[in-house]
Amino acid sequence: MNKISFLVFSFMLFCFHSKCQISTDTNYVKSKIVYNQLYTFMDTSANYIQYFSSDALSNFFEKLKKSSNSKVRILHIGDSHLQADIGASCTRNLLQDAFGFGGRGSIFPYTIAKTHATYDYEVKGYGIWERTRNIDTATVFDLGITGITARTYDTSAGFEIQFIKERAKIQPNFTKLKLFCYTGLNSLDCQYRLADNEEWKNINCSSVSNDKASIEINLPHSPSTISMRVVKTNNNQQYFEIYGLSLESDEEKGILYNSVGINGAKLSSFLKENLYERQITAFNPDLVIVDLIANDLAFGDFNQNKVENDLKDCIKKIKTSSPNASILLVGMQNIYVKGRNIINAGLYSSFLKQFSAFNNVAFYDYYIVSGGANSMKKWYAKGLSSKDMCHLSTTGYTIKGNLFSNAMLNSYLHYLKNERSPLIIYERKGSENKILDKKEIIKTNPTPKTKKESTIVHKVKKGDTIFTIAKKYKTTPIKIKALNKLNSNKLTVGQTLKINY
């Protein structure tokens, strides 16, 4: 090897090594923590993802260390603050800029389900479609991870998703598309193309196994547009049912940030997603963010028992299907509903810290970070919220997304420096917050006394349902089904059920 070749080889080796190590370089991570726009009422000293034990986020942080050669998958579940995807788009873009572009993630043709699309793409639909959302009292169709399903019997139906170039950072290697749809003999097939001058390509949905979570499609190039239409290829086919799509990179590296939100969704809405456990295998998340609480607390008093039980059921659902995924609970910003200040946001902030300590999950105290009590008026005065002082403006959501990505980076930087150390912020009025050390955390958060449960036997009577029984004993259908090893909600008169209460 001559001198020039040796120098070239050495330089390439250095670049490769630097690329592999960049995600663990504390100076590099610190350089990515940039606040684009801040106001004095925001508390950046508390802008961390907090945890009482590093185990709550260690699996996620360890994957971040390897992001240059292993894809890091994030699933962010929310409500109307997430469906528009403005804040999530900002978080996605900033994290991908730091750790690599692993894909656009979850997308849905919302227009065919009679609701609005998201910040970085538009949808055109045609034909006759029906829908079910996780907020509906009666969920007619199955529901997957996106929380919304569209079904058509119309063989002339279809849709087009068009990415907005200046907002969607679609990379050249975004060439893997996952289609989440009903598969089986009764399913209509479909076709796709990425431009008007391209030929339609077939997607076989009717002969795919029902156990398959998604249909994977290798695209010929990265898309600016994705068009799909249904086609009938035999007489057995009756309808096409879509649960969503995921656009991903063809390389096993970078951040894949999936955000799924439904207007009006609550914690109980997530529990209605009966296909979640099957579809989550295709997402395989390293971090699941539960950003569902505003609609639970927007009306009435703070029902701590109900919130606590619903949160526990959500965590159980996630851990059962994704045992290695870290879980992050997001706090609620101060909001107003019809001019009334919702004080439940502050009550939830205090509850969230205690709940996270006892359930070994991470939490983001967005209530404190965004300004605390009555701060939404300040957001509105600066043009950061809409007139309802519940939802934010585009600028406001962008700031929220920037705060959230920086909170992740702040906590990751703490983990790199103090791998086994907890990260809890102590609030002090009149001065900057500080991170508690381990001894202080143990002192201020003693081990809770465990509540003893009683077990009784309930005999099913005419008119009983699993929901009415759960309500009677102040428990949940999920707990009853788990205790009695039930695979469905169906009960028979005379059947006996063990109930813990």
Protein backbone atom coordinates (compact mmCIF):
# COMPACT_ATOMS: atom_id res chain seq x y z
CA MET A 1 0.00 0.00 0.00
CA ASN A 2 1.52 3.35 -1.03
CA LYS A 3 1.52 6.42 1.18
CA ILE A 4 -1.51 8.10 -0.50
CA SER A 5 -3.61 4.93 -0.30
CA PHE A 6 -2.67 4.49 3.35
CA LEU A 7 -3.69 8.06 4.16
CA VAL A 8 -7.03 7.66 2.35
CA PHE A 9 -7.69 4.37 4.15
CA SER A 10 -6.76 5.89 7.51
CA PHE A 11 -9.05 8.87 6.89
CA MET A 12 -11.97 6.59 5.95
CA LEU A 13 -11.38 4.46 9.03
CA PHE A 14 -11.29 7.58 11.21
CA CYS A 15 -14.56 8.86 9.70
CA PHE A 16 -16.25 5.51 10.23
CA HIS A 17 -15.05 5.32 13.83
CA SER A 18 -16.12 8.93 14.48
CA LYS A 19 -19.56 8.25 13.02
CA CYS A 20 -20.03 5.23 15.27
CA GLN A 21 -18.94 7.15 18.37
CA ILE A 22 -20.71 10.46 17.73
CA SER A 23 -23.93 9.48 19.52
CA THR A 24 -21.94 8.86 22.73
CA ASP A 25 -19.86 12.04 22.47
CA THR A 26 -21.13 14.33 25.24
CA ASN A 27 -19.84 17.45 23.47
CA TYR A 28 -21.73 16.47 20.32
CA VAL A 29 -24.97 15.79 22.22
CA LYS A 30 -24.61 19.08 24.10
CA SER A 31 -24.17 20.94 20.80
CA LYS A 32 -27.58 19.65 19.65
CA ILE A 33 -29.39 21.15 22.67
CA VAL A 34 -30.51 24.44 21.16
CA TYR A 35 -33.58 26.47 22.18
CA ASN A 36 -34.86 28.24 19.08
CA GLN A 37 -37.28 30.53 20.93
CA LEU A 38 -37.83 30.98 24.68
CA TYR A 39 -39.87 33.17 27.01
CA THR A 40 -39.22 34.10 30.63
CA PHE A 41 -42.27 32.18 31.91
CA MET A 42 -40.85 28.88 30.62
CA ASP A 43 -38.68 26.88 33.01
CA THR A 44 -35.82 25.27 31.07
CA SER A 45 -34.02 24.34 34.30
CA ALA A 46 -36.69 21.66 34.70
CA ASN A 47 -36.57 20.59 31.06
CA TYR A 48 -35.56 16.96 31.56
CA ILE A 49 -37.16 13.58 31.16
CA GLN A 50 -37.14 12.50 34.80
CA TYR A 51 -36.79 9.07 36.40
CA PHE A 52 -36.25 7.68 39.88
CA SER A 53 -34.29 4.74 38.52
CA SER A 54 -32.13 4.76 35.40
CA ASP A 55 -33.71 1.38 34.55
CA ALA A 56 -36.82 3.31 33.46
CA LEU A 57 -35.00 4.64 30.37
CA SER A 58 -31.77 2.63 30.15
CA ASN A 59 -32.99 0.37 27.31
CA PHE A 60 -33.86 3.42 25.22
CA PHE A 61 -30.65 5.28 26.03
CA GLU A 62 -28.52 2.22 25.28
CA LYS A 63 -30.19 2.01 21.85
CA LEU A 64 -29.42 5.71 21.28
CA LYS A 65 -25.75 4.91 21.84
CA LYS A 66 -25.91 2.51 18.88
CA SER A 67 -28.06 4.71 16.59
CA SER A 68 -25.34 4.81 13.91
CA ASN A 69 -25.80 1.09 13.22
CA SER A 70 -29.11 0.19 14.89
CA LYS A 71 -32.47 1.86 14.26
CA VAL A 72 -34.05 3.50 17.33
CA ARG A 73 -37.84 3.22 17.26
CA ILE A 74 -40.09 5.65 19.12
CA LEU A 75 -43.90 5.44 19.37
CA HIS A 76 -45.62 8.62 20.59
CA ILE A 77 -49.32 8.13 21.43
CA GLY A 78 -51.53 11.19 21.95
CA ASP A 79 -54.68 13.23 21.33
CA SER A 80 -55.51 16.37 19.30
CA HIS A 81 -52.20 17.95 20.32
CA LEU A 82 -50.52 15.13 18.39
CA GLN A 83 -52.86 14.43 15.45
CA ALA A 84 -51.85 17.66 13.70
CA ASP A 85 -48.23 16.53 14.23
CA ILE A 86 -46.76 20.04 14.33
CA GLY A 87 -44.87 19.61 17.60
CA ALA A 88 -44.07 15.97 16.86
CA SER A 89 -42.67 16.95 13.44
CA CYS A 90 -40.34 19.40 15.17
CA THR A 91 -39.23 16.77 17.71
CA ARG A 92 -38.79 14.16 14.97
CA ASN A 93 -36.69 16.45 12.77
CA LEU A 94 -34.44 17.62 15.62
CA LEU A 95 -33.80 14.10 16.95
CA GLN A 96 -33.17 12.77 13.44
CA ASP A 97 -30.79 15.64 12.75
CA ALA A 98 -28.85 14.52 15.84
CA PHE A 99 -28.99 10.73 15.43
CA GLY A 100 -29.90 10.03 11.80
CA PHE A 101 -33.01 9.70 9.64
CA GLY A 102 -34.69 6.34 10.20
CA GLY A 103 -37.93 7.17 8.37
CA ARG A 104 -41.01 9.40 8.41
CA GLY A 105 -42.86 6.86 10.52
CA SER A 106 -46.62 6.49 10.85
CA ILE A 107 -48.93 8.19 8.34
CA PHE A 108 -52.67 7.89 7.74
CA PRO A 109 -55.00 9.10 4.93
CA TYR A 110 -57.12 11.05 7.43
CA THR A 111 -59.34 12.71 4.83
CA ILE A 112 -61.02 9.41 3.90
CA ALA A 113 -61.89 9.06 7.61
CA LYS A 114 -63.48 12.53 7.62
CA THR A 115 -60.87 14.29 9.75
CA HIS A 116 -57.89 16.57 9.13
CA ALA A 117 -54.46 15.47 7.92
CA THR A 118 -51.17 16.43 9.53
CA TYR A 119 -48.65 19.24 9.31
CA ASP A 120 -46.26 17.75 6.75
CA TYR A 121 -48.60 16.05 4.26
CA GLU A 122 -51.96 16.54 2.57
CA VAL A 123 -54.50 13.85 1.67
CA LYS A 124 -56.98 13.60 -1.17
CA GLY A 125 -59.57 10.84 -0.98
CA TYR A 126 -62.20 9.53 -3.36
CA GLY A 127 -64.93 6.95 -3.19
CA ILE A 128 -67.16 6.00 -0.25
CA TRP A 129 -65.45 5.28 3.08
CA GLU A 130 -66.62 4.51 6.62
CA ARG A 131 -64.58 5.06 9.78
CA THR A 132 -64.09 4.08 13.43
CA ARG A 133 -61.94 6.01 15.94
CA ASN A 134 -60.77 5.05 19.40
CA ILE A 135 -62.91 7.86 20.85
CA ASP A 136 -66.15 6.40 19.48
CA THR A 137 -68.54 4.90 22.03
CA ALA A 138 -69.17 1.95 19.73
CA THR A 139 -66.07 0.81 17.83
CA VAL A 140 -67.55 -0.87 14.75
CA PHE A 141 -64.26 -1.93 13.17
CA ASP A 142 -61.02 -3.26 14.63
CA LEU A 143 -58.58 -0.59 15.78
CA GLY A 144 -54.81 -0.65 15.44
CA ILE A 145 -51.97 1.50 16.73
CA THR A 146 -53.05 4.67 14.90
CA GLY A 147 -56.40 4.61 16.76
CA ILE A 148 -58.39 5.09 13.56
CA THR A 149 -59.68 2.73 10.87
CA ALA A 150 -61.19 3.43 7.44
CA ARG A 151 -63.19 0.82 5.50
CA THR A 152 -64.61 0.84 1.98
CA TYR A 153 -66.80 -1.51 -0.06
CA ASP A 154 -66.38 0.80 -3.06
CA THR A 155 -64.11 -0.69 -5.74
CA SER A 156 -63.49 2.80 -7.15
CA ALA A 157 -62.18 4.16 -3.84
CA GLY A 158 -58.65 5.34 -3.15
CA PHE A 159 -56.48 8.13 -1.73
CA GLU A 160 -53.35 10.17 -2.35
CA ILE A 161 -50.86 11.30 0.31
CA GLN A 162 -48.73 14.24 -0.82
CA PHE A 163 -45.80 15.30 1.35
CA ILE A 164 -45.20 19.04 1.76
CA LYS A 165 -41.63 19.46 0.60
CA GLU A 166 -40.57 22.27 2.94
CA ARG A 167 -41.99 20.48 6.02
CA ALA A 168 -41.47 16.76 5.46
CA LYS A 169 -37.82 15.77 5.45
CA ILE A 170 -38.22 12.78 3.14
CA GLN A 171 -34.76 11.29 2.58
CA PRO A 172 -33.57 9.33 -0.50
CA ASN A 173 -33.40 6.11 1.54
CA PHE A 174 -37.05 6.27 2.69
CA THR A 175 -37.97 3.36 0.44
CA LYS A 176 -39.63 0.87 2.79
CA LEU A 177 -43.40 1.16 3.15
CA LYS A 178 -45.47 -0.88 5.62
CA LEU A 179 -49.19 -1.16 4.96
CA PHE A 180 -51.36 -2.01 7.95
CA CYS A 181 -54.65 -3.36 6.63
CA TYR A 182 -57.10 -6.21 7.00
CA THR A 183 -55.76 -9.29 5.23
CA GLY A 184 -57.74 -12.38 4.35
CA LEU A 185 -59.95 -13.93 1.69
CA ASN A 186 -62.63 -11.23 2.06
CA SER A 187 -60.19 -8.34 1.58
CA LEU A 188 -60.07 -6.36 -1.60
CA ASP A 189 -56.60 -6.02 -3.08
CA CYS A 190 -55.03 -2.65 -3.83
CA GLN A 191 -52.48 -0.94 -6.05
CA TYR A 192 -49.99 1.89 -5.49
CA ARG A 193 -47.86 4.32 -7.46
CA LEU A 194 -45.57 7.21 -6.53
CA ALA A 195 -46.23 9.52 -9.51
CA ASP A 196 -48.91 10.03 -12.17
CA ASN A 197 -46.55 8.91 -14.93
CA GLU A 198 -45.72 5.61 -13.18
CA GLU A 199 -47.57 2.33 -13.61
CA TRP A 200 -49.79 1.01 -10.83
CA LYS A 201 -48.21 -1.84 -8.88
CA ASN A 202 -50.24 -4.61 -7.23
CA ILE A 203 -50.46 -5.26 -3.48
CA ASN A 204 -51.99 -8.61 -2.64
CA CYS A 205 -54.10 -8.30 0.51
CA SER A 206 -56.47 -11.26 0.09
CA SER A 207 -53.96 -14.11 0.23
CA VAL A 208 -51.78 -12.76 3.04
CA SER A 209 -51.96 -14.58 6.37
CA ASN A 210 -54.26 -13.01 8.94
CA ASP A 211 -51.44 -13.24 11.48
CA LYS A 212 -49.21 -10.89 9.49
CA ALA A 213 -49.07 -7.46 11.17
CA SER A 214 -48.30 -5.53 7.97
CA ILE A 215 -47.51 -5.88 4.28
CA GLU A 216 -43.99 -4.66 3.50
CA ILE A 217 -43.42 -2.92 0.16
CA ASN A 218 -40.01 -2.05 -1.27
CA LEU A 219 -40.53 1.23 -3.11
CA PRO A 220 -38.56 1.94 -6.32
CA HIS A 221 -37.56 5.35 -4.91
CA SER A 222 -38.39 7.68 -2.03
CA PRO A 223 -41.84 9.23 -2.49
CA SER A 224 -43.10 12.78 -2.69
CA THR A 225 -46.56 11.28 -3.23
CA ILE A 226 -48.12 7.91 -2.35
CA SER A 227 -51.29 7.01 -4.26
CA MET A 228 -53.37 3.90 -3.48
CA ARG A 229 -56.57 2.49 -4.93
CA VAL A 230 -58.56 -0.65 -4.20
CA VAL A 231 -59.17 -3.34 -6.82
CA LYS A 232 -61.36 -6.43 -6.88
CA THR A 233 -59.65 -9.50 -8.30
CA ASN A 234 -62.14 -12.24 -7.34
CA ASN A 235 -65.76 -12.61 -6.21
CA ASN A 236 -64.89 -13.49 -2.60
CA GLN A 237 -63.51 -10.04 -1.93
CA GLN A 238 -65.87 -7.67 -0.10
CA TYR A 239 -64.07 -4.71 1.50
CA PHE A 240 -60.73 -3.00 2.15
CA GLU A 241 -59.85 -1.87 5.70
CA ILE A 242 -56.81 0.29 6.43
CA TYR A 243 -55.26 0.98 9.84
CA GLY A 244 -52.33 3.07 8.64
CA LEU A 245 -48.95 3.14 6.89
CA SER A 246 -45.35 3.56 7.98
CA LEU A 247 -42.67 5.05 5.74
CA GLU A 248 -39.19 3.94 6.82
CA SER A 249 -35.59 4.01 5.66
CA ASP A 250 -34.09 0.89 4.13
CA GLU A 251 -31.09 1.12 6.48
CA GLU A 252 -30.91 -0.16 10.06
CA LYS A 253 -29.87 3.10 11.71
CA GLY A 254 -31.13 6.47 12.84
CA ILE A 255 -34.36 7.54 14.57
CA LEU A 256 -37.78 6.28 13.48
CA TYR A 257 -40.30 8.54 15.24
CA ASN A 258 -43.92 7.37 14.97
CA SER A 259 -46.54 9.82 16.26
CA VAL A 260 -50.19 8.72 16.43
CA GLY A 261 -52.88 11.01 17.82
CA ILE A 262 -56.67 11.21 17.66
CA ASN A 263 -58.66 14.33 18.48
CA GLY A 264 -60.43 13.85 21.81
CA ALA A 265 -58.54 10.68 22.81
CA LYS A 266 -58.27 9.63 26.46
CA LEU A 267 -56.28 6.95 28.29
CA SER A 268 -59.27 4.63 27.90
CA SER A 269 -59.22 5.25 24.12
CA PHE A 270 -55.82 3.58 23.85
CA LEU A 271 -57.19 0.55 25.70
CA LYS A 272 -59.79 0.08 22.93
CA GLU A 273 -57.11 -0.62 20.30
CA ASN A 274 -57.63 -4.38 20.03
CA LEU A 275 -55.06 -4.87 17.25
CA TYR A 276 -52.32 -3.03 19.14
CA GLU A 277 -50.63 -6.17 20.47
CA ARG A 278 -50.43 -7.74 17.00
CA GLN A 279 -49.35 -4.62 15.13
CA ILE A 280 -46.77 -3.50 17.68
CA THR A 281 -44.48 -6.29 16.49
CA ALA A 282 -44.01 -4.36 13.25
CA PHE A 283 -43.18 -1.16 15.15
CA ASN A 284 -40.95 -2.87 17.75
CA PRO A 285 -40.55 0.32 19.84
CA ASP A 286 -37.61 1.10 22.10
CA LEU A 287 -39.57 3.95 23.68
CA VAL A 288 -43.34 4.35 24.04
CA ILE A 289 -44.53 7.86 24.94
CA VAL A 290 -47.99 8.09 26.52
CA ASP A 291 -49.17 11.65 25.92
CA LEU A 292 -52.85 11.11 26.80
CA ILE A 293 -54.34 12.99 29.74
CA ALA A 294 -55.81 16.37 28.71
CA ASN A 295 -59.23 14.97 27.78
CA ASP A 296 -59.33 12.90 30.97
CA LEU A 297 -58.84 16.04 33.08
CA ALA A 298 -60.54 18.79 31.04
CA PHE A 299 -63.91 18.35 32.75
CA GLY A 300 -64.88 17.67 36.37
CA ASP A 301 -62.68 17.00 39.37
CA PHE A 302 -59.38 15.13 39.33
CA ASN A 303 -60.43 11.49 39.82
CA GLN A 304 -57.08 10.13 40.96
CA ASN A 305 -58.25 6.51 41.32
CA LYS A 306 -59.56 6.37 37.75
CA VAL A 307 -56.49 8.08 36.29
CA GLU A 308 -54.21 5.78 38.26
CA ASN A 309 -56.06 2.62 37.18
CA ASP A 310 -56.18 3.69 33.52
CA LEU A 311 -52.47 4.53 33.53
CA LYS A 312 -51.63 1.16 35.07
CA ASP A 313 -53.73 -0.61 32.42
CA CYS A 314 -51.96 1.35 29.65
CA ILE A 315 -48.55 0.46 31.07
CA LYS A 316 -49.54 -3.18 31.40
CA LYS A 317 -50.74 -3.25 27.78
CA ILE A 318 -47.43 -1.79 26.59
CA LYS A 319 -45.20 -3.97 28.76
CA THR A 320 -47.07 -7.17 27.84
CA SER A 321 -46.45 -6.68 24.11
CA SER A 322 -43.12 -4.76 24.30
CA PRO A 323 -41.33 -5.91 27.46
CA ASN A 324 -38.04 -4.24 26.48
CA ALA A 325 -39.53 -0.85 25.63
CA SER A 326 -39.00 2.09 27.95
CA ILE A 327 -42.16 4.01 28.89
CA LEU A 328 -42.45 7.79 29.19
CA LEU A 329 -45.52 9.60 30.58
CA VAL A 330 -46.02 13.22 29.50
CA GLY A 331 -47.56 15.84 31.80
CA MET A 332 -50.33 18.25 30.89
CA GLN A 333 -49.92 21.94 30.10
CA ASN A 334 -52.09 24.52 31.85
CA ILE A 335 -55.20 24.95 29.66
CA TYR A 336 -58.54 26.72 29.68
CA VAL A 337 -61.86 25.19 28.59
CA LYS A 338 -64.59 27.71 27.68
CA GLY A 339 -62.77 30.35 29.70
CA ARG A 340 -62.37 28.13 32.78
CA ASN A 341 -58.87 27.46 34.10
CA ILE A 342 -58.29 23.70 34.44
CA ILE A 343 -56.50 23.32 37.76
CA ASN A 344 -56.36 19.54 37.24
CA ALA A 345 -53.19 20.10 35.18
CA GLY A 346 -51.31 21.17 38.31
CA LEU A 347 -52.78 18.35 40.39
CA TYR A 348 -51.71 15.84 37.74
CA SER A 349 -48.18 17.28 37.76
CA SER A 350 -47.78 16.38 41.44
CA PHE A 351 -49.47 13.01 40.98
CA LEU A 352 -47.32 12.10 37.97
CA LYS A 353 -44.05 12.31 39.90
CA GLN A 354 -45.37 10.04 42.65
CA PHE A 355 -46.95 7.58 40.21
CA SER A 356 -43.75 7.31 38.15
CA ALA A 357 -41.70 6.59 41.28
CA PHE A 358 -43.95 3.69 42.28
CA ASN A 359 -44.29 2.23 38.76
CA ASN A 360 -40.70 2.64 37.50
CA VAL A 361 -41.51 4.71 34.40
CA ALA A 362 -40.05 8.00 33.20
CA PHE A 363 -42.05 11.24 33.12
CA TYR A 364 -41.90 14.68 31.56
CA ASP A 365 -43.30 17.42 33.80
CA TYR A 366 -44.42 19.64 30.95
CA TYR A 367 -46.73 21.56 33.28
CA ILE A 368 -43.73 23.06 35.11
CA VAL A 369 -41.57 23.46 32.00
CA SER A 370 -44.29 25.36 30.09
CA GLY A 371 -44.85 27.82 32.95
CA GLY A 372 -47.17 26.23 35.50
CA ALA A 373 -50.39 27.75 36.85
CA ASN A 374 -52.20 30.27 34.61
CA SER A 375 -49.31 30.24 32.11
CA MET A 376 -51.58 29.62 29.10
CA LYS A 377 -52.63 33.28 29.28
CA LYS A 378 -48.98 34.19 28.80
CA TRP A 379 -48.72 31.79 25.85
CA TYR A 380 -51.81 33.41 24.32
CA ALA A 381 -50.45 36.94 24.85
CA LYS A 382 -47.34 35.97 22.87
CA GLY A 383 -49.37 34.41 20.04
CA LEU A 384 -48.36 30.87 21.05
CA SER A 385 -51.87 29.49 21.65
CA SER A 386 -55.13 29.55 19.74
CA LYS A 387 -58.15 31.57 20.94
CA ASP A 388 -59.50 28.63 22.93
CA MET A 389 -56.35 28.73 25.13
CA CYS A 390 -56.37 24.95 25.01
CA HIS A 391 -54.60 24.24 21.73
CA LEU A 392 -51.45 25.99 20.56
CA SER A 393 -50.62 27.98 17.46
CA THR A 394 -48.18 26.61 14.89
CA THR A 395 -45.39 28.59 16.56
CA GLY A 396 -46.50 27.34 19.98
CA TYR A 397 -46.46 23.69 18.93
CA THR A 398 -43.05 24.18 17.32
CA ILE A 399 -41.71 25.57 20.62
CA LYS A 400 -43.31 22.62 22.46
CA GLY A 401 -41.60 20.17 20.07
CA ASN A 402 -38.29 21.94 20.56
CA LEU A 403 -38.64 21.78 24.35
CA PHE A 404 -39.47 18.08 24.22
CA SER A 405 -36.53 17.12 21.97
CA ASN A 406 -34.18 19.13 24.20
CA ALA A 407 -35.60 17.42 27.30
CA MET A 408 -34.70 14.06 25.75
CA LEU A 409 -31.20 15.27 24.88
CA ASN A 410 -30.70 16.81 28.33
CA SER A 411 -31.59 13.52 29.99
CA TYR A 412 -29.52 11.47 27.56
CA LEU A 413 -26.54 13.72 28.31
CA HIS A 414 -27.12 13.15 32.04
CA TYR A 415 -27.22 9.38 31.40
CA LEU A 416 -23.94 9.46 29.45
CA LYS A 417 -22.26 11.22 32.36
CA ASN A 418 -24.06 9.42 35.22
CA GLU A 419 -25.26 6.11 33.80
CA ARG A 420 -26.74 4.60 36.97
CA SER A 421 -27.85 7.83 38.61
CA PRO A 422 -31.54 8.86 38.89
CA LEU A 423 -32.68 12.18 37.46
CA ILE A 424 -35.26 14.07 39.52
CA ILE A 425 -35.78 17.83 39.55
CA TYR A 426 -36.38 19.57 42.88
CA GLU A 427 -38.54 22.68 42.46
CA ARG A 428 -37.44 25.72 44.46
CA LYS A 429 -39.34 28.99 44.33
CA GLY A 430 -37.28 32.06 43.68
CA SER A 431 -34.23 30.20 42.37
CA GLU A 432 -33.24 27.74 39.70
CA ASN A 433 -34.35 24.14 40.09
CA LYS A 434 -31.73 21.52 40.84
CA ILE A 435 -31.32 17.80 40.26
CA LEU A 436 -31.69 15.78 43.45
CA ASP A 437 -29.02 13.27 44.33
CA LYS A 438 -29.87 9.65 45.13
CA LYS A 439 -29.94 10.10 48.93
CA GLU A 440 -32.34 13.03 48.69
CA ILE A 441 -34.64 11.05 46.40
CA ILE A 442 -34.82 8.12 48.82
CA LYS A 443 -35.50 10.52 51.69
CA THR A 444 -38.28 12.46 49.93
CA ASN A 445 -39.89 9.40 48.31
CA PRO A 446 -40.18 6.57 50.85
CA THR A 447 -41.24 3.13 49.72
CA PRO A 448 -45.06 3.08 49.55
CA LYS A 449 -47.19 0.71 51.55
CA THR A 450 -48.74 -1.89 49.28
CA LYS A 451 -52.51 -2.15 49.39
CA LYS A 452 -53.85 -5.63 50.06
CA GLU A 453 -56.44 -6.78 47.54
CA SER A 454 -59.48 -8.90 48.35
CA THR A 455 -60.78 -11.59 46.00
CA ILE A 456 -64.43 -12.55 45.59
CA VAL A 457 -66.33 -14.77 43.17
CA HIS A 458 -69.02 -13.17 41.00
CA LYS A 459 -71.66 -15.33 39.31
CA VAL A 460 -72.71 -13.86 35.95
CA LYS A 461 -76.39 -12.91 35.81
CA LYS A 462 -78.58 -12.00 32.84
CA GLY A 463 -77.68 -8.50 31.64
CA ASP A 464 -74.15 -8.60 33.08
CA THR A 465 -71.28 -7.50 30.87
CA ILE A 466 -67.60 -7.44 31.67
CA PHE A 467 -67.82 -3.63 31.73
CA THR A 468 -70.74 -3.43 34.21
CA ILE A 469 -69.05 -6.00 36.46
CA ALA A 470 -65.78 -4.04 36.38
CA LYS A 471 -67.63 -0.84 37.26
CA LYS A 472 -69.48 -2.56 40.13
CA TYR A 473 -66.27 -3.72 41.80
CA LYS A 474 -64.22 -0.62 40.84
CA THR A 475 -61.77 -2.59 38.74
CA THR A 476 -61.16 -2.88 34.97
CA PRO A 477 -62.17 -5.35 32.23
CA ILE A 478 -58.49 -5.99 31.47
CA LYS A 479 -57.81 -7.06 35.08
CA ILE A 480 -60.86 -9.34 35.14
CA LYS A 481 -59.87 -10.97 31.83
CA ALA A 482 -56.27 -11.47 32.98
CA LEU A 483 -57.27 -13.00 36.33
CA ASN A 484 -59.77 -15.39 34.70
CA LYS A 485 -57.67 -16.05 31.55
CA LEU A 486 -60.42 -14.82 29.21
CA ASN A 487 -59.64 -14.24 25.54
CA SER A 488 -62.74 -12.12 24.81
CA ASN A 489 -65.38 -9.95 26.50
CA LYS A 490 -68.09 -12.59 25.99
CA LEU A 491 -69.72 -13.94 29.16
CA THR A 492 -72.37 -16.62 29.76
CA VAL A 493 -75.09 -16.65 32.42
CA GLY A 494 -73.99 -18.77 35.38
CA GLN A 495 -70.28 -18.34 34.63
CA THR A 496 -68.16 -17.58 37.73
CA LEU A 497 -65.48 -14.93 37.74
CA LYS A 498 -62.77 -14.19 40.28
CA ILE A 499 -62.59 -10.47 41.05
CA ASN A 500 -59.77 -8.62 42.81
CA TYR A 501 -60.88 -5.34 44.35
